[in-house]
Amino acid sequence: MPPTIIGVRFTKTGKVYHFDGSSVAEIKVGEHVIVDTARGKNLGEVAAVLTETPPPPEEGGWRRIERRASPRDLLLKQSWQSKQTEAMIECRTRATELGLQGVKVVAAEYNYDGSRLAFLFCTETEDKADLKTLKRDMQKKYSAPQIELRQIGPRDVAKAIGGMGACGLETRCCSKFLAEFSPISIKMAKEQGISLTPTEITGMCGRLRCCLVYEYEQYVAARKELPKRNKRVVTPRGEGKVTDVLPMSNTIMVLLDSDERHFPVPFPRDEIQPWDEVEALRRKSEAPCEKHEGGECSCGAQKQEREPKKEPQPRQEREQRPAREPRQGGRPRERDRGRHKGTK
């Protein structure tokens, strides 16, 4: 029988980790459980109960859920969480005394039973900081829990601190619902036509905004169906050149050749036809078709093949042809007047 895989989250908007929940019967979403992790025992909340068993991790299988969390476990967690701010201030003070430049202690996290204390920090430079003295001093200060110093990135710092986002939302996306950070590139901003001004595309963490990835796939799919800029198109008002496209509204801005104002006109995608396709259809319609075997075709190609073309006469034969005589009893032609000038 395959194991029951349970998704557990340790923070409000943290990443979901998978555990083997076969030892706990009828587990439901929202319940709290005690699990054995790489950093010791921890208390987490059930975020999902998977109906299909995913492939096992490469480390050697899933870790097991030990038991459901009791009310005593929940009270222990609350009591240790109330001491986290004090521990963070102590660590910041000691880091300042040691003269650790560029090291910022962001938060402190106690384990649910107080057996482990982790200090989260970030550095302003890419150089690795020497924190052995800080860790030794914190271990002396807090002798009971095991001290751990964990470095996090700028996005995790913004997630831990929280606050208002650069767009004006009261809570940043990373602190509100983002469980994982997706890779973001400047190409996503270019594809969506967003200004590349640093203040427009960077968040409070100093990195590219996470929201650049929200509509990126929709823009890419929409642009595949729309003509590119500077392409020639045919509209109901005549031919023109594409100056811009609006993927979300499926609209194309066209500069018409007949417009003297030189101002782009919006057209829906259904009313636009590529000029090269229209030109190819026109040439195909003018060319005689080749499917006239059996006499079923009426395009005229068969008739043109049956009637041989008249060969042009050589130039010498045209020059040796005698000139025409003027008509008898009548008025000479206009071209014969000069030839018979002086005759009566």
C-alpha atoms as a PDB file:
ATOM      1  CA  MET A   1       0.000   0.000   0.000  1.00  0.00           C
ATOM      2  CA  PRO A   2       1.496   3.373  -0.967  1.00  0.00           C
ATOM      3  CA  PRO A   3       2.162   5.843   1.864  1.00  0.00           C
ATOM      4  CA  THR A   4      -0.069   8.825   2.557  1.00  0.00           C
ATOM      5  CA  ILE A   5       1.874  11.962   1.643  1.00  0.00           C
ATOM      6  CA  ILE A   6       1.085  15.058   3.687  1.00  0.00           C
ATOM      7  CA  GLY A   7       2.174  18.635   2.847  1.00  0.00           C
ATOM      8  CA  VAL A   8       3.309  20.541   5.941  1.00  0.00           C
ATOM      9  CA  ARG A   9       4.067  24.261   6.233  1.00  0.00           C
ATOM     10  CA  PHE A  10       6.085  25.652   9.170  1.00  0.00           C
ATOM     11  CA  THR A  11       5.379  29.353   8.649  1.00  0.00           C
ATOM     12  CA  LYS A  12       2.329  31.253   7.441  1.00  0.00           C
ATOM     13  CA  THR A  13       3.571  31.724   3.881  1.00  0.00           C
ATOM     14  CA  GLY A  14       6.451  29.258   3.948  1.00  0.00           C
ATOM     15  CA  LYS A  15       7.312  26.473   1.570  1.00  0.00           C
ATOM     16  CA  VAL A  16       5.306  23.236   1.765  1.00  0.00           C
ATOM     17  CA  TYR A  17       7.360  20.120   2.586  1.00  0.00           C
ATOM     18  CA  HIS A  18       6.154  16.560   2.036  1.00  0.00           C
ATOM     19  CA  PHE A  19       6.119  13.942   4.806  1.00  0.00           C
ATOM     20  CA  ASP A  20       4.896  10.395   5.217  1.00  0.00           C
ATOM     21  CA  GLY A  21       1.656  10.582   7.184  1.00  0.00           C
ATOM     22  CA  SER A  22       0.876   6.872   7.357  1.00  0.00           C
ATOM     23  CA  SER A  23       1.333   6.852  11.142  1.00  0.00           C
ATOM     24  CA  VAL A  24      -1.394   9.466  11.652  1.00  0.00           C
ATOM     25  CA  ALA A  25      -4.878   8.328  10.687  1.00  0.00           C
ATOM     26  CA  GLU A  26      -7.428  10.618   9.053  1.00  0.00           C
ATOM     27  CA  ILE A  27      -5.278  13.720   9.089  1.00  0.00           C
ATOM     28  CA  LYS A  28      -6.990  16.876   7.821  1.00  0.00           C
ATOM     29  CA  VAL A  29      -5.876  20.211   6.445  1.00  0.00           C
ATOM     30  CA  GLY A  30      -5.408  22.788   9.191  1.00  0.00           C
ATOM     31  CA  GLU A  31      -4.310  20.384  11.906  1.00  0.00           C
ATOM     32  CA  HIS A  32      -0.904  20.713  13.566  1.00  0.00           C
ATOM     33  CA  VAL A  33       1.610  17.885  13.646  1.00  0.00           C
ATOM     34  CA  ILE A  34       5.070  17.164  15.052  1.00  0.00           C
ATOM     35  CA  VAL A  35       7.564  16.111  12.378  1.00  0.00           C
ATOM     36  CA  ASP A  36      11.218  15.159  12.351  1.00  0.00           C
ATOM     37  CA  THR A  37      13.199  17.486  10.092  1.00  0.00           C
ATOM     38  CA  ALA A  38      16.869  17.978   9.238  1.00  0.00           C
ATOM     39  CA  ARG A  39      16.973  20.662  11.962  1.00  0.00           C
ATOM     40  CA  GLY A  40      15.332  18.537  14.628  1.00  0.00           C
ATOM     41  CA  LYS A  41      11.736  18.184  15.689  1.00  0.00           C
ATOM     42  CA  ASN A  42       9.414  20.948  14.623  1.00  0.00           C
ATOM     43  CA  LEU A  43       5.738  21.821  14.736  1.00  0.00           C
ATOM     44  CA  GLY A  44       3.941  22.518  11.466  1.00  0.00           C
ATOM     45  CA  GLU A  45       0.489  22.939   9.979  1.00  0.00           C
ATOM     46  CA  VAL A  46      -0.998  20.507   7.470  1.00  0.00           C
ATOM     47  CA  ALA A  47      -1.393  22.399   4.198  1.00  0.00           C
ATOM     48  CA  ALA A  48      -2.406  19.580   1.831  1.00  0.00           C
ATOM     49  CA  VAL A  49      -3.223  15.875   1.705  1.00  0.00           C
ATOM     50  CA  LEU A  50      -2.010  14.514  -1.621  1.00  0.00           C
ATOM     51  CA  THR A  51      -4.248  12.048  -3.429  1.00  0.00           C
ATOM     52  CA  GLU A  52      -1.463  10.828  -5.722  1.00  0.00           C
ATOM     53  CA  THR A  53       1.917   9.723  -4.454  1.00  0.00           C
ATOM     54  CA  PRO A  54       4.735  11.828  -5.951  1.00  0.00           C
ATOM     55  CA  PRO A  55       8.167  10.363  -6.724  1.00  0.00           C
ATOM     56  CA  PRO A  56      10.259   9.952  -3.550  1.00  0.00           C
ATOM     57  CA  PRO A  57      13.135  12.369  -2.848  1.00  0.00           C
ATOM     58  CA  GLU A  58      16.673  11.401  -3.714  1.00  0.00           C
ATOM     59  CA  GLU A  59      17.859  11.595  -0.094  1.00  0.00           C
ATOM     60  CA  GLY A  60      16.288   8.226   0.694  1.00  0.00           C
ATOM     61  CA  GLY A  61      12.543   8.650   1.129  1.00  0.00           C
ATOM     62  CA  TRP A  62      10.156  10.866   3.031  1.00  0.00           C
ATOM     63  CA  ARG A  63      10.512  11.721   6.684  1.00  0.00           C
ATOM     64  CA  ARG A  64       7.654  10.555   8.867  1.00  0.00           C
ATOM     65  CA  ILE A  65       5.107  12.516  10.847  1.00  0.00           C
ATOM     66  CA  GLU A  66       5.501  11.490  14.482  1.00  0.00           C
ATOM     67  CA  ARG A  67       2.158  12.526  15.929  1.00  0.00           C
ATOM     68  CA  ARG A  68      -0.509  15.166  16.146  1.00  0.00           C
ATOM     69  CA  ALA A  69       0.393  18.276  18.091  1.00  0.00           C
ATOM     70  CA  SER A  70      -1.205  18.490  21.520  1.00  0.00           C
ATOM     71  CA  PRO A  71      -2.545  21.683  23.119  1.00  0.00           C
ATOM     72  CA  ARG A  72       0.575  21.704  25.315  1.00  0.00           C
ATOM     73  CA  ASP A  73       2.765  21.786  22.182  1.00  0.00           C
ATOM     74  CA  LEU A  74       0.851  24.777  20.840  1.00  0.00           C
ATOM     75  CA  LEU A  75       1.222  26.652  24.138  1.00  0.00           C
ATOM     76  CA  LEU A  76       4.944  25.904  24.177  1.00  0.00           C
ATOM     77  CA  LYS A  77       5.322  27.324  20.708  1.00  0.00           C
ATOM     78  CA  GLN A  78       3.504  30.538  21.646  1.00  0.00           C
ATOM     79  CA  SER A  79       5.638  31.010  24.759  1.00  0.00           C
ATOM     80  CA  TRP A  80       8.907  30.610  22.873  1.00  0.00           C
ATOM     81  CA  GLN A  81       7.721  32.836  20.021  1.00  0.00           C
ATOM     82  CA  SER A  82       7.183  35.668  22.508  1.00  0.00           C
ATOM     83  CA  LYS A  83      10.936  35.566  23.324  1.00  0.00           C
ATOM     84  CA  GLN A  84      12.127  35.802  19.711  1.00  0.00           C
ATOM     85  CA  THR A  85      12.203  39.616  19.537  1.00  0.00           C
ATOM     86  CA  GLU A  86      14.338  39.859  22.669  1.00  0.00           C
ATOM     87  CA  ALA A  87      16.804  37.316  21.266  1.00  0.00           C
ATOM     88  CA  MET A  88      17.049  39.214  17.989  1.00  0.00           C
ATOM     89  CA  ILE A  89      17.865  42.488  19.797  1.00  0.00           C
ATOM     90  CA  GLU A  90      20.560  40.752  21.831  1.00  0.00           C
ATOM     91  CA  CYS A  91      22.164  39.338  18.707  1.00  0.00           C
ATOM     92  CA  ARG A  92      22.073  42.725  16.938  1.00  0.00           C
ATOM     93  CA  THR A  93      23.696  44.417  19.903  1.00  0.00           C
ATOM     94  CA  ARG A  94      26.490  41.857  20.071  1.00  0.00           C
ATOM     95  CA  ALA A  95      27.108  42.086  16.312  1.00  0.00           C
ATOM     96  CA  THR A  96      27.512  45.860  16.639  1.00  0.00           C
ATOM     97  CA  GLU A  97      29.948  45.457  19.522  1.00  0.00           C
ATOM     98  CA  LEU A  98      32.051  43.044  17.470  1.00  0.00           C
ATOM     99  CA  GLY A  99      32.179  45.554  14.617  1.00  0.00           C
ATOM    100  CA  LEU A 100      30.612  43.274  12.024  1.00  0.00           C
ATOM    101  CA  GLN A 101      30.118  45.696   9.136  1.00  0.00           C
ATOM    102  CA  GLY A 102      27.444  44.845   6.580  1.00  0.00           C
ATOM    103  CA  VAL A 103      25.856  42.114   8.735  1.00  0.00           C
ATOM    104  CA  LYS A 104      22.192  42.666   9.575  1.00  0.00           C
ATOM    105  CA  VAL A 105      20.321  40.330  11.914  1.00  0.00           C
ATOM    106  CA  VAL A 106      16.793  40.158  10.555  1.00  0.00           C
ATOM    107  CA  ALA A 107      14.945  37.787  12.875  1.00  0.00           C
ATOM    108  CA  ALA A 108      15.267  35.050  15.485  1.00  0.00           C
ATOM    109  CA  GLU A 109      13.286  31.803  15.376  1.00  0.00           C
ATOM    110  CA  TYR A 110      12.810  29.414  18.303  1.00  0.00           C
ATOM    111  CA  ASN A 111      11.858  25.813  17.850  1.00  0.00           C
ATOM    112  CA  TYR A 112       8.435  24.884  19.231  1.00  0.00           C
ATOM    113  CA  ASP A 113       9.973  23.412  22.391  1.00  0.00           C
ATOM    114  CA  GLY A 114      12.904  25.839  22.685  1.00  0.00           C
ATOM    115  CA  SER A 115      15.540  23.237  21.804  1.00  0.00           C
ATOM    116  CA  ARG A 116      16.893  25.245  18.851  1.00  0.00           C
ATOM    117  CA  LEU A 117      17.368  28.985  18.223  1.00  0.00           C
ATOM    118  CA  ALA A 118      18.152  30.246  14.723  1.00  0.00           C
ATOM    119  CA  PHE A 119      19.266  33.791  13.908  1.00  0.00           C
ATOM    120  CA  LEU A 120      18.471  34.922  10.356  1.00  0.00           C
ATOM    121  CA  PHE A 121      20.887  37.465   8.906  1.00  0.00           C
ATOM    122  CA  CYS A 122      21.835  39.024   5.586  1.00  0.00           C
ATOM    123  CA  THR A 123      24.958  40.747   4.294  1.00  0.00           C
ATOM    124  CA  GLU A 124      25.253  43.846   2.142  1.00  0.00           C
ATOM    125  CA  THR A 125      28.298  42.500   0.297  1.00  0.00           C
ATOM    126  CA  GLU A 126      29.007  39.184  -1.375  1.00  0.00           C
ATOM    127  CA  ASP A 127      32.023  38.570   0.868  1.00  0.00           C
ATOM    128  CA  LYS A 128      31.580  35.838   3.437  1.00  0.00           C
ATOM    129  CA  ALA A 129      31.456  37.234   6.969  1.00  0.00           C
ATOM    130  CA  ASP A 130      33.269  35.604   9.883  1.00  0.00           C
ATOM    131  CA  LEU A 131      30.574  34.958  12.472  1.00  0.00           C
ATOM    132  CA  LYS A 132      32.298  32.367  14.645  1.00  0.00           C
ATOM    133  CA  THR A 133      32.744  34.807  17.520  1.00  0.00           C
ATOM    134  CA  LEU A 134      29.124  35.943  17.305  1.00  0.00           C
ATOM    135  CA  LYS A 135      27.874  32.363  17.348  1.00  0.00           C
ATOM    136  CA  ARG A 136      30.091  31.473  20.335  1.00  0.00           C
ATOM    137  CA  ASP A 137      28.899  34.497  22.289  1.00  0.00           C
ATOM    138  CA  MET A 138      25.248  33.729  21.563  1.00  0.00           C
ATOM    139  CA  GLN A 139      25.766  30.136  22.660  1.00  0.00           C
ATOM    140  CA  LYS A 140      27.130  31.382  25.982  1.00  0.00           C
ATOM    141  CA  LYS A 141      24.192  33.777  26.320  1.00  0.00           C
ATOM    142  CA  TYR A 142      21.586  31.088  25.568  1.00  0.00           C
ATOM    143  CA  SER A 143      23.060  27.862  26.866  1.00  0.00           C
ATOM    144  CA  ALA A 144      19.941  25.685  26.653  1.00  0.00           C
ATOM    145  CA  PRO A 145      18.990  25.901  22.948  1.00  0.00           C
ATOM    146  CA  GLN A 146      21.316  25.029  20.096  1.00  0.00           C
ATOM    147  CA  ILE A 147      22.362  28.208  18.281  1.00  0.00           C
ATOM    148  CA  GLU A 148      22.273  28.419  14.490  1.00  0.00           C
ATOM    149  CA  LEU A 149      23.188  31.326  12.201  1.00  0.00           C
ATOM    150  CA  ARG A 150      21.357  31.169   8.877  1.00  0.00           C
ATOM    151  CA  GLN A 151      21.995  33.558   5.978  1.00  0.00           C
ATOM    152  CA  ILE A 152      19.038  34.553   3.803  1.00  0.00           C
ATOM    153  CA  GLY A 153      18.699  36.565   0.590  1.00  0.00           C
ATOM    154  CA  PRO A 154      17.181  40.017  -0.012  1.00  0.00           C
ATOM    155  CA  ARG A 155      13.792  38.584  -0.997  1.00  0.00           C
ATOM    156  CA  ASP A 156      13.605  36.516   2.187  1.00  0.00           C
ATOM    157  CA  VAL A 157      14.524  39.614   4.200  1.00  0.00           C
ATOM    158  CA  ALA A 158      11.621  41.553   2.688  1.00  0.00           C
ATOM    159  CA  LYS A 159       9.347  38.583   3.364  1.00  0.00           C
ATOM    160  CA  ALA A 160      10.393  38.369   7.009  1.00  0.00           C
ATOM    161  CA  ILE A 161      10.100  42.109   7.655  1.00  0.00           C
ATOM    162  CA  GLY A 162       6.826  42.613   5.757  1.00  0.00           C
ATOM    163  CA  GLY A 163       5.330  46.043   5.236  1.00  0.00           C
ATOM    164  CA  MET A 164       3.785  47.918   2.326  1.00  0.00           C
ATOM    165  CA  GLY A 165       4.776  46.981  -1.197  1.00  0.00           C
ATOM    166  CA  ALA A 166       6.201  49.304  -3.819  1.00  0.00           C
ATOM    167  CA  CYS A 167       2.883  49.154  -5.700  1.00  0.00           C
ATOM    168  CA  GLY A 168       0.928  50.444  -2.702  1.00  0.00           C
ATOM    169  CA  LEU A 169      -0.504  47.191  -1.327  1.00  0.00           C
ATOM    170  CA  GLU A 170      -0.656  47.151   2.459  1.00  0.00           C
ATOM    171  CA  THR A 171       1.058  43.755   2.572  1.00  0.00           C
ATOM    172  CA  ARG A 172       3.788  42.686   0.180  1.00  0.00           C
ATOM    173  CA  CYS A 173       3.095  39.724  -2.052  1.00  0.00           C
ATOM    174  CA  CYS A 174       6.020  37.794  -0.539  1.00  0.00           C
ATOM    175  CA  SER A 175       4.603  38.220   2.965  1.00  0.00           C
ATOM    176  CA  LYS A 176       1.003  37.594   1.947  1.00  0.00           C
ATOM    177  CA  PHE A 177       0.827  34.529  -0.278  1.00  0.00           C
ATOM    178  CA  LEU A 178       4.114  33.728  -2.088  1.00  0.00           C
ATOM    179  CA  ALA A 179       5.471  30.438  -0.788  1.00  0.00           C
ATOM    180  CA  GLU A 180       8.423  30.273  -3.202  1.00  0.00           C
ATOM    181  CA  PHE A 181      10.306  32.820  -5.286  1.00  0.00           C
ATOM    182  CA  SER A 182      10.324  32.300  -9.041  1.00  0.00           C
ATOM    183  CA  PRO A 183      13.327  33.300 -11.172  1.00  0.00           C
ATOM    184  CA  ILE A 184      12.725  36.716 -12.755  1.00  0.00           C
ATOM    185  CA  SER A 185      14.630  38.342 -15.611  1.00  0.00           C
ATOM    186  CA  ILE A 186      14.597  41.726 -17.336  1.00  0.00           C
ATOM    187  CA  LYS A 187      13.152  39.987 -20.407  1.00  0.00           C
ATOM    188  CA  MET A 188       9.816  39.656 -18.623  1.00  0.00           C
ATOM    189  CA  ALA A 189       9.553  43.424 -18.263  1.00  0.00           C
ATOM    190  CA  LYS A 190      10.455  43.968 -21.927  1.00  0.00           C
ATOM    191  CA  GLU A 191       7.897  41.406 -23.106  1.00  0.00           C
ATOM    192  CA  GLN A 192       5.124  43.206 -21.215  1.00  0.00           C
ATOM    193  CA  GLY A 193       6.156  46.661 -22.420  1.00  0.00           C
ATOM    194  CA  ILE A 194       6.960  47.916 -18.922  1.00  0.00           C
ATOM    195  CA  SER A 195       9.315  50.839 -18.474  1.00  0.00           C
ATOM    196  CA  LEU A 196      12.827  49.688 -17.608  1.00  0.00           C
ATOM    197  CA  THR A 197      13.342  52.509 -15.126  1.00  0.00           C
ATOM    198  CA  PRO A 198      14.812  50.930 -11.952  1.00  0.00           C
ATOM    199  CA  THR A 199      12.188  52.514  -9.722  1.00  0.00           C
ATOM    200  CA  GLU A 200       9.428  51.006 -11.858  1.00  0.00           C
ATOM    201  CA  ILE A 201      10.580  47.391 -11.918  1.00  0.00           C
ATOM    202  CA  THR A 202      12.347  46.918  -8.569  1.00  0.00           C
ATOM    203  CA  GLY A 203      10.641  46.116  -5.294  1.00  0.00           C
ATOM    204  CA  MET A 204      11.420  47.042  -1.711  1.00  0.00           C
ATOM    205  CA  CYS A 205      14.040  44.291  -1.597  1.00  0.00           C
ATOM    206  CA  GLY A 206      16.060  45.961  -4.366  1.00  0.00           C
ATOM    207  CA  ARG A 207      15.443  43.076  -6.783  1.00  0.00           C
ATOM    208  CA  LEU A 208      13.087  42.755  -9.741  1.00  0.00           C
ATOM    209  CA  ARG A 209       9.481  42.712  -8.631  1.00  0.00           C
ATOM    210  CA  CYS A 210       7.877  39.318  -8.148  1.00  0.00           C
ATOM    211  CA  CYS A 211       4.732  40.515  -9.940  1.00  0.00           C
ATOM    212  CA  LEU A 212       6.614  40.639 -13.267  1.00  0.00           C
ATOM    213  CA  VAL A 213       6.076  36.899 -13.569  1.00  0.00           C
ATOM    214  CA  TYR A 214       2.310  36.981 -12.917  1.00  0.00           C
ATOM    215  CA  GLU A 215       1.169  37.818 -16.486  1.00  0.00           C
ATOM    216  CA  TYR A 216       4.339  36.954 -18.388  1.00  0.00           C
ATOM    217  CA  GLU A 217       3.009  33.690 -19.874  1.00  0.00           C
ATOM    218  CA  GLN A 218      -0.209  35.377 -20.991  1.00  0.00           C
ATOM    219  CA  TYR A 219       1.759  38.106 -22.769  1.00  0.00           C
ATOM    220  CA  VAL A 220       3.974  35.552 -24.515  1.00  0.00           C
ATOM    221  CA  ALA A 221       0.967  33.512 -25.686  1.00  0.00           C
ATOM    222  CA  ALA A 222      -0.884  36.621 -26.891  1.00  0.00           C
ATOM    223  CA  ARG A 223       2.094  38.021 -28.814  1.00  0.00           C
ATOM    224  CA  LYS A 224       2.433  34.774 -30.765  1.00  0.00           C
ATOM    225  CA  GLU A 225      -0.966  35.462 -32.349  1.00  0.00           C
ATOM    226  CA  LEU A 226      -0.351  39.166 -33.007  1.00  0.00           C
ATOM    227  CA  PRO A 227       1.838  40.677 -35.757  1.00  0.00           C
ATOM    228  CA  LYS A 228       5.152  42.177 -34.787  1.00  0.00           C
ATOM    229  CA  ARG A 229       6.032  45.848 -34.986  1.00  0.00           C
ATOM    230  CA  ASN A 230       6.882  47.411 -38.376  1.00  0.00           C
ATOM    231  CA  LYS A 231       4.989  44.627 -40.163  1.00  0.00           C
ATOM    232  CA  ARG A 232       2.799  45.520 -43.147  1.00  0.00           C
ATOM    233  CA  VAL A 233      -0.879  44.689 -42.629  1.00  0.00           C
ATOM    234  CA  VAL A 234      -4.181  45.165 -44.428  1.00  0.00           C
ATOM    235  CA  THR A 235      -7.039  46.794 -42.520  1.00  0.00           C
ATOM    236  CA  PRO A 236     -10.620  47.697 -43.466  1.00  0.00           C
ATOM    237  CA  ARG A 237      -9.360  51.255 -44.043  1.00  0.00           C
ATOM    238  CA  GLY A 238      -6.399  50.301 -46.191  1.00  0.00           C
ATOM    239  CA  GLU A 239      -2.820  49.164 -45.824  1.00  0.00           C
ATOM    240  CA  GLY A 240      -0.504  50.314 -43.079  1.00  0.00           C
ATOM    241  CA  LYS A 241       2.366  49.497 -40.726  1.00  0.00           C
ATOM    242  CA  VAL A 242       2.102  48.106 -37.204  1.00  0.00           C
ATOM    243  CA  THR A 243       3.449  50.567 -34.640  1.00  0.00           C
ATOM    244  CA  ASP A 244       2.452  48.793 -31.416  1.00  0.00           C
ATOM    245  CA  VAL A 245       0.414  45.866 -30.068  1.00  0.00           C
ATOM    246  CA  LEU A 246      -1.716  45.605 -26.919  1.00  0.00           C
ATOM    247  CA  PRO A 247      -1.746  41.881 -26.053  1.00  0.00           C
ATOM    248  CA  MET A 248      -4.177  41.999 -23.144  1.00  0.00           C
ATOM    249  CA  SER A 249      -6.875  43.799 -25.183  1.00  0.00           C
ATOM    250  CA  ASN A 250      -5.980  41.962 -28.428  1.00  0.00           C
ATOM    251  CA  THR A 251      -5.610  45.321 -30.203  1.00  0.00           C
ATOM    252  CA  ILE A 252      -3.146  46.412 -32.884  1.00  0.00           C
ATOM    253  CA  MET A 253      -2.055  50.007 -33.483  1.00  0.00           C
ATOM    254  CA  VAL A 254      -1.629  50.632 -37.231  1.00  0.00           C
ATOM    255  CA  LEU A 255      -0.247  53.692 -39.022  1.00  0.00           C
ATOM    256  CA  LEU A 256      -2.283  53.878 -42.228  1.00  0.00           C
ATOM    257  CA  ASP A 257      -0.637  54.886 -45.491  1.00  0.00           C
ATOM    258  CA  SER A 258      -3.629  57.034 -46.416  1.00  0.00           C
ATOM    259  CA  ASP A 259      -3.759  58.865 -43.094  1.00  0.00           C
ATOM    260  CA  GLU A 260      -2.275  62.328 -43.474  1.00  0.00           C
ATOM    261  CA  ARG A 261      -2.290  62.920 -39.731  1.00  0.00           C
ATOM    262  CA  HIS A 262       0.289  60.154 -39.181  1.00  0.00           C
ATOM    263  CA  PHE A 263      -1.506  58.993 -36.064  1.00  0.00           C
ATOM    264  CA  PRO A 264      -1.862  55.246 -35.259  1.00  0.00           C
ATOM    265  CA  VAL A 265      -5.364  53.820 -35.369  1.00  0.00           C
ATOM    266  CA  PRO A 266      -6.424  50.870 -33.145  1.00  0.00           C
ATOM    267  CA  PHE A 267      -7.881  47.783 -34.829  1.00  0.00           C
ATOM    268  CA  PRO A 268      -9.095  44.495 -33.318  1.00  0.00           C
ATOM    269  CA  ARG A 269      -7.129  41.383 -34.171  1.00  0.00           C
ATOM    270  CA  ASP A 270     -10.007  39.929 -36.238  1.00  0.00           C
ATOM    271  CA  GLU A 271      -9.943  42.898 -38.660  1.00  0.00           C
ATOM    272  CA  ILE A 272      -6.220  42.647 -39.433  1.00  0.00           C
ATOM    273  CA  GLN A 273      -4.651  40.572 -42.182  1.00  0.00           C
ATOM    274  CA  PRO A 274      -0.906  40.244 -42.831  1.00  0.00           C
ATOM    275  CA  TRP A 275       0.083  42.014 -46.033  1.00  0.00           C
ATOM    276  CA  ASP A 276       2.401  39.234 -47.197  1.00  0.00           C
ATOM    277  CA  GLU A 277      -0.373  36.635 -46.904  1.00  0.00           C
ATOM    278  CA  VAL A 278      -2.828  38.820 -48.799  1.00  0.00           C
ATOM    279  CA  GLU A 279      -0.220  39.468 -51.500  1.00  0.00           C
ATOM    280  CA  ALA A 280       0.535  35.747 -51.779  1.00  0.00           C
ATOM    281  CA  LEU A 281      -3.176  34.963 -52.214  1.00  0.00           C
ATOM    282  CA  ARG A 282      -3.498  37.658 -54.868  1.00  0.00           C
ATOM    283  CA  ARG A 283      -0.596  36.274 -56.887  1.00  0.00           C
ATOM    284  CA  LYS A 284      -1.945  32.790 -56.569  1.00  0.00           C
ATOM    285  CA  SER A 285      -5.360  33.857 -57.829  1.00  0.00           C
ATOM    286  CA  GLU A 286      -3.858  35.605 -60.874  1.00  0.00           C
ATOM    287  CA  ALA A 287      -1.641  32.675 -61.829  1.00  0.00           C
ATOM    288  CA  PRO A 288      -3.327  29.919 -63.931  1.00  0.00           C
ATOM    289  CA  CYS A 289      -3.898  26.760 -62.018  1.00  0.00           C
ATOM    290  CA  GLU A 290      -2.255  23.504 -63.042  1.00  0.00           C
ATOM    291  CA  LYS A 291      -5.104  21.171 -62.144  1.00  0.00           C
ATOM    292  CA  HIS A 292      -6.837  21.121 -65.519  1.00  0.00           C
ATOM    293  CA  GLU A 293      -6.245  17.493 -66.425  1.00  0.00           C
ATOM    294  CA  GLY A 294      -9.476  15.907 -67.628  1.00  0.00           C
ATOM    295  CA  GLY A 295     -11.031  19.194 -68.729  1.00  0.00           C
ATOM    296  CA  GLU A 296     -12.589  20.071 -65.375  1.00  0.00           C
ATOM    297  CA  CYS A 297     -10.677  23.321 -64.892  1.00  0.00           C
ATOM    298  CA  SER A 298     -12.117  26.575 -66.242  1.00  0.00           C
ATOM    299  CA  CYS A 299      -9.297  28.947 -65.328  1.00  0.00           C
ATOM    300  CA  GLY A 300      -8.140  29.415 -68.928  1.00  0.00           C
ATOM    301  CA  ALA A 301      -4.730  27.826 -68.534  1.00  0.00           C
ATOM    302  CA  GLN A 302      -5.679  24.928 -70.825  1.00  0.00           C
ATOM    303  CA  LYS A 303      -6.837  27.305 -73.537  1.00  0.00           C
ATOM    304  CA  GLN A 304      -3.627  29.313 -73.282  1.00  0.00           C
ATOM    305  CA  GLU A 305      -1.590  26.154 -73.710  1.00  0.00           C
ATOM    306  CA  ARG A 306      -3.528  25.069 -76.854  1.00  0.00           C
ATOM    307  CA  GLU A 307      -3.164  28.427 -78.644  1.00  0.00           C
ATOM    308  CA  PRO A 308       0.463  28.843 -79.682  1.00  0.00           C
ATOM    309  CA  LYS A 309       1.906  32.265 -79.169  1.00  0.00           C
ATOM    310  CA  LYS A 310       2.725  34.262 -82.318  1.00  0.00           C
ATOM    311  CA  GLU A 311       6.425  34.640 -82.844  1.00  0.00           C
ATOM    312  CA  PRO A 312       7.574  38.233 -83.459  1.00  0.00           C
ATOM    313  CA  GLN A 313       8.872  38.882 -86.988  1.00  0.00           C
ATOM    314  CA  PRO A 314      12.555  39.587 -87.425  1.00  0.00           C
ATOM    315  CA  ARG A 315      13.608  43.200 -87.793  1.00  0.00           C
ATOM    316  CA  GLN A 316      15.107  42.666 -91.291  1.00  0.00           C
ATOM    317  CA  GLU A 317      11.806  41.374 -92.707  1.00  0.00           C
ATOM    318  CA  ARG A 318      10.003  44.408 -91.353  1.00  0.00           C
ATOM    319  CA  GLU A 319      12.521  46.756 -92.981  1.00  0.00           C
ATOM    320  CA  GLN A 320      12.354  44.973 -96.411  1.00  0.00           C
ATOM    321  CA  ARG A 321       8.576  45.223 -96.584  1.00  0.00           C
ATOM    322  CA  PRO A 322       7.634  47.768 -99.354  1.00  0.00           C
ATOM    323  CA  ALA A 323       5.945  50.961 -98.349  1.00  0.00           C
ATOM    324  CA  ARG A 324       2.216  51.226 -98.848  1.00  0.00           C
ATOM    325  CA  GLU A 325       0.947  53.215-101.822  1.00  0.00           C
ATOM    326  CA  PRO A 326      -1.578  55.930-101.225  1.00  0.00           C
ATOM    327  CA  ARG A 327      -5.170  55.004-101.898  1.00  0.00           C
ATOM    328  CA  GLN A 328      -6.444  55.792-105.390  1.00  0.00           C
ATOM    329  CA  GLY A 329      -8.786  58.702-105.735  1.00  0.00           C
ATOM    330  CA  GLY A 330      -8.646  59.440-102.122  1.00  0.00           C
ATOM    331  CA  ARG A 331      -6.852  61.635 -99.717  1.00  0.00           C
ATOM    332  CA  PRO A 332      -3.360  60.338 -98.865  1.00  0.00           C
ATOM    333  CA  ARG A 333      -2.812  59.064 -95.401  1.00  0.00           C
ATOM    334  CA  GLU A 334      -1.126  61.230 -92.850  1.00  0.00           C
ATOM    335  CA  ARG A 335       2.076  59.151 -92.871  1.00  0.00           C
ATOM    336  CA  ASP A 336       2.238  59.209 -96.728  1.00  0.00           C
ATOM    337  CA  ARG A 337       2.155  63.005 -97.009  1.00  0.00           C
ATOM    338  CA  GLY A 338       5.756  63.419 -96.106  1.00  0.00           C
ATOM    339  CA  ARG A 339       6.833  60.611 -98.366  1.00  0.00           C
ATOM    340  CA  HIS A 340       5.122  62.099-101.490  1.00  0.00           C
ATOM    341  CA  LYS A 341       5.840  65.721-100.651  1.00  0.00           C
ATOM    342  CA  GLY A 342       6.109  67.845-103.808  1.00  0.00           C
ATOM    343  CA  THR A 343       3.917  65.589-105.969  1.00  0.00           C
ATOM    344  CA  LYS A 344       0.528  66.610-107.201  1.00  0.00           C
END
